C-alpha atoms as a PDB file:
ATOM      1  CA  UNK A   1      10.881   5.996 -28.678  1.00  0.00           C
ATOM      2  CA  UNK A   2      12.068   2.478 -27.855  1.00  0.00           C
ATOM      3  CA  UNK A   3      10.720   0.510 -24.906  1.00  0.00           C
ATOM      4  CA  UNK A   4      12.149   0.936 -21.558  1.00  0.00           C
ATOM      5  CA  UNK A   5      15.351  -1.583 -20.949  1.00  0.00           C
ATOM      6  CA  UNK A   6      14.051  -3.117 -24.268  1.00  0.00           C
ATOM      7  CA  UNK A   7      11.657  -5.028 -22.540  1.00  0.00           C
ATOM      8  CA  UNK A   8       8.292  -3.270 -22.012  1.00  0.00           C
ATOM      9  CA  UNK A   9       6.291  -4.325 -25.197  1.00  0.00           C
ATOM     10  CA  UNK A  10       7.157  -8.048 -24.413  1.00  0.00           C
ATOM     11  CA  UNK A  11       6.017  -7.586 -20.650  1.00  0.00           C
ATOM     12  CA  UNK A  12       2.831  -5.916 -22.056  1.00  0.00           C
ATOM     13  CA  UNK A  13       2.174  -8.689 -24.190  1.00  0.00           C
ATOM     14  CA  UNK A  14       3.091 -11.682 -21.619  1.00  0.00           C
ATOM     15  CA  UNK A  15       1.932 -10.160 -18.562  1.00  0.00           C
ATOM     16  CA  UNK A  16      -1.197  -8.557 -20.244  1.00  0.00           C
ATOM     17  CA  UNK A  17      -2.452 -11.936 -21.491  1.00  0.00           C
ATOM     18  CA  UNK A  18      -1.822 -13.417 -18.239  1.00  0.00           C
ATOM     19  CA  UNK A  19      -4.121 -11.036 -16.804  1.00  0.00           C
ATOM     20  CA  UNK A  20      -6.899 -11.399 -19.510  1.00  0.00           C
ATOM     21  CA  UNK A  21      -6.679 -15.030 -18.646  1.00  0.00           C
ATOM     22  CA  UNK A  22      -6.586 -14.959 -14.947  1.00  0.00           C
ATOM     23  CA  UNK A  23      -8.500 -12.095 -13.759  1.00  0.00           C
ATOM     24  CA  UNK A  24     -11.991 -13.831 -14.255  1.00  0.00           C
ATOM     25  CA  UNK A  25     -10.802 -16.978 -12.684  1.00  0.00           C
ATOM     26  CA  UNK A  26      -9.054 -15.184  -9.690  1.00  0.00           C
ATOM     27  CA  UNK A  27     -11.612 -12.620  -8.843  1.00  0.00           C
ATOM     28  CA  UNK A  28     -13.197 -14.469  -6.142  1.00  0.00           C
ATOM     29  CA  UNK A  29     -10.187 -15.880  -4.801  1.00  0.00           C
ATOM     30  CA  UNK A  30     -10.091 -14.140  -1.658  1.00  0.00           C
ATOM     31  CA  UNK A  31     -12.873 -13.644   0.790  1.00  0.00           C
ATOM     32  CA  UNK A  32     -13.700 -10.100   2.052  1.00  0.00           C
ATOM     33  CA  UNK A  33     -11.635 -10.857   5.096  1.00  0.00           C
ATOM     34  CA  UNK A  34      -8.700 -12.240   3.708  1.00  0.00           C
ATOM     35  CA  UNK A  35      -8.628  -9.002   1.242  1.00  0.00           C
ATOM     36  CA  UNK A  36      -8.598  -6.794   4.354  1.00  0.00           C
ATOM     37  CA  UNK A  37      -5.618  -8.875   5.887  1.00  0.00           C
ATOM     38  CA  UNK A  38      -3.620  -8.726   2.666  1.00  0.00           C
ATOM     39  CA  UNK A  39      -4.129  -4.920   2.380  1.00  0.00           C
ATOM     40  CA  UNK A  40      -3.045  -4.730   5.952  1.00  0.00           C
ATOM     41  CA  UNK A  41       0.063  -6.596   5.255  1.00  0.00           C
ATOM     42  CA  UNK A  42       0.688  -4.324   2.296  1.00  0.00           C
ATOM     43  CA  UNK A  43       0.863  -1.332   4.525  1.00  0.00           C
ATOM     44  CA  UNK A  44       3.297  -2.495   6.736  1.00  0.00           C
ATOM     45  CA  UNK A  45       6.633  -0.728   6.356  1.00  0.00           C
ATOM     46  CA  UNK A  46       9.785  -2.087   4.717  1.00  0.00           C
ATOM     47  CA  UNK A  47      12.604  -3.396   6.961  1.00  0.00           C
ATOM     48  CA  UNK A  48      15.119  -0.634   7.706  1.00  0.00           C
ATOM     49  CA  UNK A  49      17.936  -2.394   5.888  1.00  0.00           C
ATOM     50  CA  UNK A  50      15.965  -1.538   2.540  1.00  0.00           C
ATOM     51  CA  UNK A  51      15.892   2.141   3.177  1.00  0.00           C
ATOM     52  CA  UNK A  52      17.855   4.865   1.562  1.00  0.00           C
ATOM     53  CA  UNK A  53      17.890   8.531   1.699  1.00  0.00           C
ATOM     54  CA  UNK A  54      17.545  10.938  -1.294  1.00  0.00           C
ATOM     55  CA  UNK A  55      18.792  14.482  -0.822  1.00  0.00           C
ATOM     56  CA  UNK A  56      15.953  16.938  -1.862  1.00  0.00           C
ATOM     57  CA  UNK A  57      17.484  20.402  -0.946  1.00  0.00           C
ATOM     58  CA  UNK A  58      20.943  21.681   0.051  1.00  0.00           C
ATOM     59  CA  UNK A  59      21.947  24.767   2.254  1.00  0.00           C
ATOM     60  CA  UNK A  60      23.749  27.607   0.556  1.00  0.00           C
ATOM     61  CA  UNK A  61      25.380  29.237   4.027  1.00  0.00           C
ATOM     62  CA  UNK A  62      29.338  28.962   4.535  1.00  0.00           C
ATOM     63  CA  UNK A  63      30.502  26.035   6.522  1.00  0.00           C
ATOM     64  CA  UNK A  64      29.282  22.255   6.542  1.00  0.00           C
ATOM     65  CA  UNK A  65      27.109  21.450   3.740  1.00  0.00           C
ATOM     66  CA  UNK A  66      23.742  20.343   4.993  1.00  0.00           C
ATOM     67  CA  UNK A  67      20.924  18.576   3.067  1.00  0.00           C
ATOM     68  CA  UNK A  68      17.270  17.729   3.542  1.00  0.00           C
ATOM     69  CA  UNK A  69      16.530  14.229   3.094  1.00  0.00           C
ATOM     70  CA  UNK A  70      13.680  11.711   2.428  1.00  0.00           C
ATOM     71  CA  UNK A  71      13.305   8.069   2.822  1.00  0.00           C
ATOM     72  CA  UNK A  72      12.769   5.727  -0.246  1.00  0.00           C
ATOM     73  CA  UNK A  73      13.513   2.313  -1.314  1.00  0.00           C
ATOM     74  CA  UNK A  74      14.161   0.467  -4.515  1.00  0.00           C
ATOM     75  CA  UNK A  75      11.135  -1.236  -6.445  1.00  0.00           C
ATOM     76  CA  UNK A  76      12.551  -4.458  -5.823  1.00  0.00           C
ATOM     77  CA  UNK A  77      11.713  -4.173  -2.349  1.00  0.00           C
ATOM     78  CA  UNK A  78       8.066  -3.521  -3.827  1.00  0.00           C
ATOM     79  CA  UNK A  79       8.177  -6.596  -5.942  1.00  0.00           C
ATOM     80  CA  UNK A  80       9.520  -8.727  -2.980  1.00  0.00           C
ATOM     81  CA  UNK A  81       6.525  -7.728  -0.924  1.00  0.00           C
ATOM     82  CA  UNK A  82       3.924  -8.520  -3.637  1.00  0.00           C
ATOM     83  CA  UNK A  83       5.837 -11.804  -4.554  1.00  0.00           C
ATOM     84  CA  UNK A  84       5.875 -13.085  -1.042  1.00  0.00           C
ATOM     85  CA  UNK A  85       2.013 -12.123  -0.356  1.00  0.00           C
ATOM     86  CA  UNK A  86       0.670 -13.140  -3.685  1.00  0.00           C
ATOM     87  CA  UNK A  87       3.617 -15.347  -5.252  1.00  0.00           C
ATOM     88  CA  UNK A  88       4.905 -14.184  -8.719  1.00  0.00           C
ATOM     89  CA  UNK A  89       1.708 -15.396 -10.462  1.00  0.00           C
ATOM     90  CA  UNK A  90      -0.739 -13.750  -8.246  1.00  0.00           C
ATOM     91  CA  UNK A  91      -0.147 -10.193  -9.493  1.00  0.00           C
ATOM     92  CA  UNK A  92       1.142  -8.477 -12.975  1.00  0.00           C
ATOM     93  CA  UNK A  93       1.929  -4.926 -14.258  1.00  0.00           C
ATOM     94  CA  UNK A  94       2.070  -3.251 -17.800  1.00  0.00           C
ATOM     95  CA  UNK A  95       3.373  -0.274 -19.015  1.00  0.00           C
ATOM     96  CA  UNK A  96       2.809   2.380 -21.700  1.00  0.00           C
ATOM     97  CA  UNK A  97       5.194   5.282 -22.624  1.00  0.00           C
ATOM     98  CA  UNK A  98       4.766   8.479 -24.060  1.00  0.00           C
ATOM     99  CA  UNK A  99       6.530  11.751 -24.203  1.00  0.00           C
ATOM    100  CA  UNK A 100       5.199  15.348 -23.796  1.00  0.00           C
ATOM    101  CA  UNK A 101       6.127  18.563 -26.177  1.00  0.00           C
ATOM    102  CA  UNK A 102       9.155  20.790 -25.146  1.00  0.00           C
ATOM    103  CA  UNK A 103       8.392  22.888 -22.501  1.00  0.00           C
ATOM    104  CA  UNK A 104      10.803  25.187 -20.237  1.00  0.00           C
ATOM    105  CA  UNK A 105      12.480  23.559 -17.077  1.00  0.00           C
ATOM    106  CA  UNK A 106      12.138  26.104 -14.161  1.00  0.00           C
ATOM    107  CA  UNK A 107      15.694  25.300 -12.983  1.00  0.00           C
ATOM    108  CA  UNK A 108      17.654  26.193 -15.987  1.00  0.00           C
ATOM    109  CA  UNK A 109      15.175  27.460 -18.442  1.00  0.00           C
ATOM    110  CA  UNK A 110      16.109  24.963 -21.141  1.00  0.00           C
ATOM    111  CA  UNK A 111      13.043  23.508 -23.442  1.00  0.00           C
ATOM    112  CA  UNK A 112      13.032  19.822 -22.589  1.00  0.00           C
ATOM    113  CA  UNK A 113      10.435  17.121 -23.233  1.00  0.00           C
ATOM    114  CA  UNK A 114       9.226  14.790 -20.527  1.00  0.00           C
ATOM    115  CA  UNK A 115       9.195  11.058 -20.479  1.00  0.00           C
ATOM    116  CA  UNK A 116       5.789   9.593 -18.819  1.00  0.00           C
ATOM    117  CA  UNK A 117       5.669   6.079 -18.130  1.00  0.00           C
ATOM    118  CA  UNK A 118       2.166   4.841 -16.794  1.00  0.00           C
ATOM    119  CA  UNK A 119       1.889   1.571 -14.980  1.00  0.00           C
ATOM    120  CA  UNK A 120      -1.106  -0.651 -14.507  1.00  0.00           C
ATOM    121  CA  UNK A 121      -0.726  -2.889 -11.329  1.00  0.00           C
ATOM    122  CA  UNK A 122      -3.121  -5.611 -10.997  1.00  0.00           C
ATOM    123  CA  UNK A 123      -3.317  -7.977  -7.905  1.00  0.00           C
ATOM    124  CA  UNK A 124      -5.698 -11.191  -8.974  1.00  0.00           C
ATOM    125  CA  UNK A 125      -8.599 -11.496  -6.605  1.00  0.00           C
ATOM    126  CA  UNK A 126      -8.150  -7.717  -5.087  1.00  0.00           C
ATOM    127  CA  UNK A 127      -8.087  -5.303  -8.265  1.00  0.00           C
ATOM    128  CA  UNK A 128      -6.009  -2.868 -10.355  1.00  0.00           C
ATOM    129  CA  UNK A 129      -4.651   0.576  -9.825  1.00  0.00           C
ATOM    130  CA  UNK A 130      -2.485   2.781 -12.517  1.00  0.00           C
ATOM    131  CA  UNK A 131      -0.316   5.560 -11.832  1.00  0.00           C
ATOM    132  CA  UNK A 132       2.091   7.533 -13.911  1.00  0.00           C
ATOM    133  CA  UNK A 133       5.929   8.492 -13.373  1.00  0.00           C
ATOM    134  CA  UNK A 134       7.672  10.977 -14.992  1.00  0.00           C
ATOM    135  CA  UNK A 135      11.353  12.157 -15.900  1.00  0.00           C
ATOM    136  CA  UNK A 136      13.115  14.724 -17.981  1.00  0.00           C
ATOM    137  CA  UNK A 137      13.878  13.295 -21.368  1.00  0.00           C
ATOM    138  CA  UNK A 138      17.704  14.436 -21.204  1.00  0.00           C
ATOM    139  CA  UNK A 139      18.232  12.190 -18.659  1.00  0.00           C
ATOM    140  CA  UNK A 140      19.846   9.070 -20.264  1.00  0.00           C
ATOM    141  CA  UNK A 141      17.742   6.968 -17.535  1.00  0.00           C
ATOM    142  CA  UNK A 142      14.718   8.727 -18.074  1.00  0.00           C
ATOM    143  CA  UNK A 143      12.489   5.912 -18.976  1.00  0.00           C
ATOM    144  CA  UNK A 144      13.820   3.577 -16.165  1.00  0.00           C
ATOM    145  CA  UNK A 145      13.461   6.193 -13.371  1.00  0.00           C
ATOM    146  CA  UNK A 146       9.948   7.229 -14.705  1.00  0.00           C
ATOM    147  CA  UNK A 147       9.053   3.229 -15.062  1.00  0.00           C
ATOM    148  CA  UNK A 148      10.040   2.908 -11.370  1.00  0.00           C
ATOM    149  CA  UNK A 149       8.217   5.758 -10.365  1.00  0.00           C
ATOM    150  CA  UNK A 150       5.012   4.751 -11.896  1.00  0.00           C
ATOM    151  CA  UNK A 151       4.871   1.134 -10.592  1.00  0.00           C
ATOM    152  CA  UNK A 152       5.871   2.499  -6.839  1.00  0.00           C
ATOM    153  CA  UNK A 153       3.024   5.029  -7.444  1.00  0.00           C
ATOM    154  CA  UNK A 154       0.649   2.224  -8.556  1.00  0.00           C
ATOM    155  CA  UNK A 155       1.817   0.181  -5.596  1.00  0.00           C
ATOM    156  CA  UNK A 156       0.866   2.768  -3.147  1.00  0.00           C
ATOM    157  CA  UNK A 157      -2.720   2.897  -4.065  1.00  0.00           C
ATOM    158  CA  UNK A 158      -2.792  -0.667  -2.672  1.00  0.00           C
ATOM    159  CA  UNK A 159      -0.993   0.990   0.589  1.00  0.00           C
ATOM    160  CA  UNK A 160       2.465  -0.738  -0.322  1.00  0.00           C
ATOM    161  CA  UNK A 161       4.897   2.002   0.690  1.00  0.00           C
ATOM    162  CA  UNK A 162       2.289   4.764   1.461  1.00  0.00           C
ATOM    163  CA  UNK A 163       4.051   5.354   4.876  1.00  0.00           C
ATOM    164  CA  UNK A 164       7.070   6.809   3.225  1.00  0.00           C
ATOM    165  CA  UNK A 165       4.658   9.959   2.299  1.00  0.00           C
ATOM    166  CA  UNK A 166       4.292  10.978   5.738  1.00  0.00           C
ATOM    167  CA  UNK A 167       8.008  11.812   5.999  1.00  0.00           C
ATOM    168  CA  UNK A 168       8.649  15.589   4.967  1.00  0.00           C
ATOM    169  CA  UNK A 169      12.293  15.633   5.159  1.00  0.00           C
ATOM    170  CA  UNK A 170      15.003  16.182   7.734  1.00  0.00           C
ATOM    171  CA  UNK A 171      18.340  18.132   7.602  1.00  0.00           C
ATOM    172  CA  UNK A 172      21.448  15.929   7.697  1.00  0.00           C
ATOM    173  CA  UNK A 173      25.176  16.677   7.233  1.00  0.00           C
ATOM    174  CA  UNK A 174      26.535  15.774   3.705  1.00  0.00           C
ATOM    175  CA  UNK A 175      29.952  15.134   2.702  1.00  0.00           C
ATOM    176  CA  UNK A 176      32.025  17.075  -0.008  1.00  0.00           C
ATOM    177  CA  UNK A 177      30.190  14.971  -2.637  1.00  0.00           C
ATOM    178  CA  UNK A 178      26.943  15.827  -0.907  1.00  0.00           C
ATOM    179  CA  UNK A 179      26.208  12.476   0.244  1.00  0.00           C
ATOM    180  CA  UNK A 180      24.472  11.544   3.549  1.00  0.00           C
ATOM    181  CA  UNK A 181      27.484  11.189   6.319  1.00  0.00           C
ATOM    182  CA  UNK A 182      25.275   9.255   8.783  1.00  0.00           C
ATOM    183  CA  UNK A 183      21.802   7.797   7.782  1.00  0.00           C
ATOM    184  CA  UNK A 184      19.080   9.102   9.979  1.00  0.00           C
ATOM    185  CA  UNK A 185      17.497   6.364  12.350  1.00  0.00           C
ATOM    186  CA  UNK A 186      13.898   5.495  11.725  1.00  0.00           C
ATOM    187  CA  UNK A 187      11.500   5.887  14.361  1.00  0.00           C
ATOM    188  CA  UNK A 188       9.543   3.078  15.619  1.00  0.00           C
ATOM    189  CA  UNK A 189       6.302   3.488  13.836  1.00  0.00           C
ATOM    190  CA  UNK A 190       8.339   3.352  10.215  1.00  0.00           C
ATOM    191  CA  UNK A 191       9.493  -0.359  11.459  1.00  0.00           C
ATOM    192  CA  UNK A 192       7.536  -3.380  10.671  1.00  0.00           C
ATOM    193  CA  UNK A 193       7.827  -4.194  14.569  1.00  0.00           C
ATOM    194  CA  UNK A 194       6.569  -0.911  15.794  1.00  0.00           C
ATOM    195  CA  UNK A 195       3.764  -0.797  12.723  1.00  0.00           C
ATOM    196  CA  UNK A 196       2.168  -4.259  14.039  1.00  0.00           C
ATOM    197  CA  UNK A 197       2.349  -3.063  17.445  1.00  0.00           C
ATOM    198  CA  UNK A 198      -0.162  -0.250  16.612  1.00  0.00           C
ATOM    199  CA  UNK A 199       2.324   2.887  16.286  1.00  0.00           C
ATOM    200  CA  UNK A 200       1.273   5.276  13.482  1.00  0.00           C
ATOM    201  CA  UNK A 201       3.044   8.479  12.384  1.00  0.00           C
ATOM    202  CA  UNK A 202       1.833  11.905  13.630  1.00  0.00           C
ATOM    203  CA  UNK A 203      -0.160  13.909  10.915  1.00  0.00           C
ATOM    204  CA  UNK A 204       1.111  17.149  11.962  1.00  0.00           C
ATOM    205  CA  UNK A 205       4.526  16.589  13.147  1.00  0.00           C
ATOM    206  CA  UNK A 206       7.477  14.557  12.126  1.00  0.00           C
ATOM    207  CA  UNK A 207       8.753  11.105  13.356  1.00  0.00           C
ATOM    208  CA  UNK A 208      12.549  11.055  12.579  1.00  0.00           C
ATOM    209  CA  UNK A 209      15.497  10.956  14.833  1.00  0.00           C
ATOM    210  CA  UNK A 210      18.996  11.246  13.698  1.00  0.00           C
ATOM    211  CA  UNK A 211      22.389  10.400  15.149  1.00  0.00           C
ATOM    212  CA  UNK A 212      20.797   8.762  18.054  1.00  0.00           C
ATOM    213  CA  UNK A 213      18.723  11.789  19.355  1.00  0.00           C
ATOM    214  CA  UNK A 214      14.881  11.887  19.238  1.00  0.00           C
ATOM    215  CA  UNK A 215      13.945  15.502  17.663  1.00  0.00           C
ATOM    216  CA  UNK A 216      11.526  17.367  15.346  1.00  0.00           C
ATOM    217  CA  UNK A 217      13.193  17.996  11.871  1.00  0.00           C
ATOM    218  CA  UNK A 218      11.103  21.110  11.857  1.00  0.00           C
ATOM    219  CA  UNK A 219      13.890  22.440  14.176  1.00  0.00           C
ATOM    220  CA  UNK A 220      16.750  21.812  12.279  1.00  0.00           C
ATOM    221  CA  UNK A 221      14.717  23.391   9.014  1.00  0.00           C
ATOM    222  CA  UNK A 222      13.789  26.546  10.661  1.00  0.00           C
ATOM    223  CA  UNK A 223      17.726  27.143  10.983  1.00  0.00           C
ATOM    224  CA  UNK A 224      18.430  26.707   7.489  1.00  0.00           C
ATOM    225  CA  UNK A 225      15.481  28.125   5.864  1.00  0.00           C
ATOM    226  CA  UNK A 226      15.297  31.353   3.774  1.00  0.00           C
ATOM    227  CA  UNK A 227      13.136  34.352   4.664  1.00  0.00           C
ATOM    228  CA  UNK A 228       9.580  34.140   3.330  1.00  0.00           C
ATOM    229  CA  UNK A 229       9.564  30.447   3.523  1.00  0.00           C
ATOM    230  CA  UNK A 230       6.135  28.610   3.752  1.00  0.00           C
ATOM    231  CA  UNK A 231       4.652  28.123   7.357  1.00  0.00           C
ATOM    232  CA  UNK A 232       3.810  24.873   8.874  1.00  0.00           C
ATOM    233  CA  UNK A 233       0.053  24.856   7.842  1.00  0.00           C
ATOM    234  CA  UNK A 234       1.111  25.351   4.131  1.00  0.00           C
ATOM    235  CA  UNK A 235       3.851  22.699   4.219  1.00  0.00           C
ATOM    236  CA  UNK A 236       1.070  20.152   5.755  1.00  0.00           C
ATOM    237  CA  UNK A 237      -1.428  21.099   3.005  1.00  0.00           C
ATOM    238  CA  UNK A 238       1.331  20.889   0.126  1.00  0.00           C
ATOM    239  CA  UNK A 239       1.897  17.382   1.553  1.00  0.00           C
ATOM    240  CA  UNK A 240      -1.674  16.453   1.655  1.00  0.00           C
ATOM    241  CA  UNK A 241      -1.669  17.684  -2.134  1.00  0.00           C
ATOM    242  CA  UNK A 242       1.128  15.954  -3.172  1.00  0.00           C
ATOM    243  CA  UNK A 243      -0.213  12.681  -1.538  1.00  0.00           C
ATOM    244  CA  UNK A 244      -2.841  12.806  -3.799  1.00  0.00           C
ATOM    245  CA  UNK A 245      -0.835  12.328  -6.921  1.00  0.00           C
ATOM    246  CA  UNK A 246      -1.030   8.408  -6.831  1.00  0.00           C
ATOM    247  CA  UNK A 247      -4.668   8.072  -6.110  1.00  0.00           C
ATOM    248  CA  UNK A 248      -5.884  10.641  -8.722  1.00  0.00           C
ATOM    249  CA  UNK A 249      -3.234   9.537 -11.307  1.00  0.00           C
ATOM    250  CA  UNK A 250      -0.873  12.045 -13.015  1.00  0.00           C
ATOM    251  CA  UNK A 251      -3.233  13.810 -15.688  1.00  0.00           C
ATOM    252  CA  UNK A 252      -6.338  14.659 -12.931  1.00  0.00           C
ATOM    253  CA  UNK A 253      -3.532  15.653 -10.405  1.00  0.00           C
ATOM    254  CA  UNK A 254      -1.615  17.717 -12.785  1.00  0.00           C
ATOM    255  CA  UNK A 255      -5.078  19.196 -14.301  1.00  0.00           C
ATOM    256  CA  UNK A 256      -6.262  20.290 -11.120  1.00  0.00           C
ATOM    257  CA  UNK A 257      -3.229  22.039 -10.184  1.00  0.00           C
ATOM    258  CA  UNK A 258      -3.270  23.651 -13.531  1.00  0.00           C
ATOM    259  CA  UNK A 259      -7.128  24.492 -13.399  1.00  0.00           C
ATOM    260  CA  UNK A 260      -7.361  25.820  -9.976  1.00  0.00           C
ATOM    261  CA  UNK A 261      -3.671  27.225  -9.098  1.00  0.00           C
ATOM    262  CA  UNK A 262      -2.085  27.293 -12.319  1.00  0.00           C
ATOM    263  CA  UNK A 263       0.903  25.976 -11.331  1.00  0.00           C
ATOM    264  CA  UNK A 264       2.734  22.385 -12.042  1.00  0.00           C
ATOM    265  CA  UNK A 265       3.848  21.689  -8.337  1.00  0.00           C
ATOM    266  CA  UNK A 266       2.074  21.954  -5.153  1.00  0.00           C
ATOM    267  CA  UNK A 267       5.163  23.750  -3.714  1.00  0.00           C
ATOM    268  CA  UNK A 268       4.899  26.712  -6.013  1.00  0.00           C
ATOM    269  CA  UNK A 269       1.556  27.850  -4.244  1.00  0.00           C
ATOM    270  CA  UNK A 270       2.190  30.345  -1.473  1.00  0.00           C
ATOM    271  CA  UNK A 271      -1.494  31.430  -0.615  1.00  0.00           C
ATOM    272  CA  UNK A 272      -2.960  29.420   2.261  1.00  0.00           C
ATOM    273  CA  UNK A 273      -6.566  30.082   0.670  1.00  0.00           C
ATOM    274  CA  UNK A 274      -5.394  28.551  -2.419  1.00  0.00           C
ATOM    275  CA  UNK A 275      -3.725  25.612  -1.151  1.00  0.00           C
ATOM    276  CA  UNK A 276      -7.216  24.666   0.779  1.00  0.00           C
ATOM    277  CA  UNK A 277      -9.135  25.151  -2.408  1.00  0.00           C
ATOM    278  CA  UNK A 278      -6.570  22.731  -4.203  1.00  0.00           C
ATOM    279  CA  UNK A 279      -7.188  20.351  -1.436  1.00  0.00           C
ATOM    280  CA  UNK A 280     -11.128  20.491  -1.651  1.00  0.00           C
ATOM    281  CA  UNK A 281     -11.048  19.958  -5.565  1.00  0.00           C
ATOM    282  CA  UNK A 282      -8.544  16.866  -5.086  1.00  0.00           C
ATOM    283  CA  UNK A 283     -10.838  15.539  -2.227  1.00  0.00           C
ATOM    284  CA  UNK A 284     -13.766  15.973  -4.405  1.00  0.00           C
ATOM    285  CA  UNK A 285     -12.014  14.246  -7.466  1.00  0.00           C
ATOM    286  CA  UNK A 286     -11.033  11.055  -5.096  1.00  0.00           C
ATOM    287  CA  UNK A 287     -14.685  11.028  -4.436  1.00  0.00           C
ATOM    288  CA  UNK A 288     -15.508  10.916  -7.954  1.00  0.00           C
ATOM    289  CA  UNK A 289     -13.091   8.082  -8.777  1.00  0.00           C
ATOM    290  CA  UNK A 290     -14.656   6.162  -6.134  1.00  0.00           C
ATOM    291  CA  UNK A 291     -18.213   6.614  -7.571  1.00  0.00           C
ATOM    292  CA  UNK A 292     -16.749   5.922 -10.935  1.00  0.00           C
ATOM    293  CA  UNK A 293     -15.339   2.572  -9.562  1.00  0.00           C
ATOM    294  CA  UNK A 294     -18.689   1.787  -8.242  1.00  0.00           C
ATOM    295  CA  UNK A 295     -20.749   2.471 -11.226  1.00  0.00           C
ATOM    296  CA  UNK A 296     -18.003   0.448 -13.262  1.00  0.00           C
ATOM    297  CA  UNK A 297     -18.528  -2.543 -11.215  1.00  0.00           C
ATOM    298  CA  UNK A 298     -22.110  -2.618 -11.921  1.00  0.00           C
ATOM    299  CA  UNK A 299     -22.113  -1.330 -15.606  1.00  0.00           C
ATOM    300  CA  UNK A 300     -18.910  -3.298 -16.734  1.00  0.00           C
ATOM    301  CA  UNK A 301     -15.767  -2.373 -18.722  1.00  0.00           C
ATOM    302  CA  UNK A 302     -17.431  -1.854 -22.127  1.00  0.00           C
ATOM    303  CA  UNK A 303     -19.837   0.720 -20.416  1.00  0.00           C
ATOM    304  CA  UNK A 304     -16.971   2.631 -19.426  1.00  0.00           C
ATOM    305  CA  UNK A 305     -15.240   2.473 -22.790  1.00  0.00           C
ATOM    306  CA  UNK A 306     -18.185   3.756 -24.659  1.00  0.00           C
ATOM    307  CA  UNK A 307     -18.662   6.491 -21.970  1.00  0.00           C
ATOM    308  CA  UNK A 308     -15.089   7.665 -22.504  1.00  0.00           C
ATOM    309  CA  UNK A 309     -15.373   7.627 -26.147  1.00  0.00           C
ATOM    310  CA  UNK A 310     -18.372   9.882 -26.099  1.00  0.00           C
ATOM    311  CA  UNK A 311     -16.321  12.177 -24.416  1.00  0.00           C
ATOM    312  CA  UNK A 312     -13.325  11.776 -26.976  1.00  0.00           C
ATOM    313  CA  UNK A 313     -11.256   9.931 -24.563  1.00  0.00           C
ATOM    314  CA  UNK A 314      -9.652   6.410 -24.750  1.00  0.00           C
ATOM    315  CA  UNK A 315      -8.882   6.062 -21.056  1.00  0.00           C
ATOM    316  CA  UNK A 316      -9.348   7.434 -17.561  1.00  0.00           C
ATOM    317  CA  UNK A 317      -5.698   8.712 -17.579  1.00  0.00           C
ATOM    318  CA  UNK A 318      -6.979  11.363 -20.053  1.00  0.00           C
ATOM    319  CA  UNK A 319      -9.594  12.719 -17.638  1.00  0.00           C
ATOM    320  CA  UNK A 320      -7.681  16.012 -16.516  1.00  0.00           C
ATOM    321  CA  UNK A 321     -10.396  18.044 -14.879  1.00  0.00           C
ATOM    322  CA  UNK A 322     -12.943  17.682 -12.164  1.00  0.00           C
ATOM    323  CA  UNK A 323     -15.580  19.004 -14.617  1.00  0.00           C
ATOM    324  CA  UNK A 324     -14.699  16.075 -16.837  1.00  0.00           C
ATOM    325  CA  UNK A 325     -14.428  13.572 -14.325  1.00  0.00           C
ATOM    326  CA  UNK A 326     -18.203  14.640 -12.909  1.00  0.00           C
ATOM    327  CA  UNK A 327     -19.394  14.263 -16.542  1.00  0.00           C
ATOM    328  CA  UNK A 328     -17.958  10.650 -17.004  1.00  0.00           C
ATOM    329  CA  UNK A 329     -19.254   9.838 -13.468  1.00  0.00           C
ATOM    330  CA  UNK A 330     -22.752  10.919 -14.142  1.00  0.00           C
ATOM    331  CA  UNK A 331     -22.822   9.208 -17.422  1.00  0.00           C
ATOM    332  CA  UNK A 332     -21.530   5.956 -16.313  1.00  0.00           C
ATOM    333  CA  UNK A 333     -23.638   6.127 -13.275  1.00  0.00           C
ATOM    334  CA  UNK A 334     -26.708   6.455 -15.690  1.00  0.00           C
ATOM    335  CA  UNK A 335     -25.594   3.527 -17.614  1.00  0.00           C
ATOM    336  CA  UNK A 336     -25.418   1.367 -14.389  1.00  0.00           C
ATOM    337  CA  UNK A 337     -29.078   2.285 -13.265  1.00  0.00           C
ATOM    338  CA  UNK A 338     -30.183   1.224 -16.686  1.00  0.00           C
ATOM    339  CA  UNK A 339     -28.114  -1.984 -16.805  1.00  0.00           C
ATOM    340  CA  UNK A 340     -29.480  -2.917 -13.088  1.00  0.00           C
ATOM    341  CA  UNK A 341     -33.171  -2.085 -14.120  1.00  0.00           C
ATOM    342  CA  UNK A 342     -32.634  -4.359 -17.401  1.00  0.00           C
ATOM    343  CA  UNK A 343     -31.345  -7.039 -15.253  1.00  0.00           C
ATOM    344  CA  UNK A 344     -34.378  -6.877 -12.761  1.00  0.00           C
ATOM    345  CA  UNK A 345     -36.564  -6.826 -15.445  1.00  0.00           C
ATOM    346  CA  UNK A 346     -35.244  -9.930 -17.132  1.00  0.00           C
END
């Protein structure tokens, strides 16, 4: 498969070399206080002028067409924020591309492959995060879409754009081409000004208002939902699960869904107890990744590479179960302890 937009391989070489050269010299560039300040700035919402609305579902009733929409922004807004805070030389990214075997797509039962793009985003002096984007291969822009998704998901691990995941969607009127007639207005917490004043989203509610009226989008949704739709507690758990996709990475995230619930997407789970079980497993996986990062800081990247090889894996992205993660973490922690003992002995 050719590189996305014909530039990935070049980008991987040039930016990868830059990362190799710069990380060692830049790792002490920021004090802990400065790091906290920069991460706080990354969390600030984007300007309202940069926000667009994506239709995720439509009604099937007679009368005017209505759609459920969620906010998003172009990846250029993400790069602009990184450039403003760190300069273009202060961060880098590299991509890797692969495809899956063909499997049945649920909406039309066609056998289609998927394109997966993994982005590793590095901010010099702060750290690195990686995430994976995906798109069906029969989309002519599959590579571009998966690349943008992976980059934004990796940025979300630093807090950039994370606030957008608090939106569960609201119902609005659509035109004959199923486009939003009037864009919803963001509530104050989702604006830079409101966020800096300390306003934050409600965990168990919605903070959107449309057409100049404050309201709860659950009221609109109840009007259009079909019988048997999920309850508020189930939807909240599904949102919590979906928010773990970026911190865990696509491999581990999908692996837990498959192992625990035998599904590909969290929205396919209907049992409350099963949703709670998936959440518990993913929270455990997040803690496991934190332990892995701590052990890696002590033992170093070579120890991680040898540990992964001992389990027939070449990267963390190939860890696809909580059990496998625990095995890798325990092994790396043992190496970290040995490393510390040897260092003190010498």
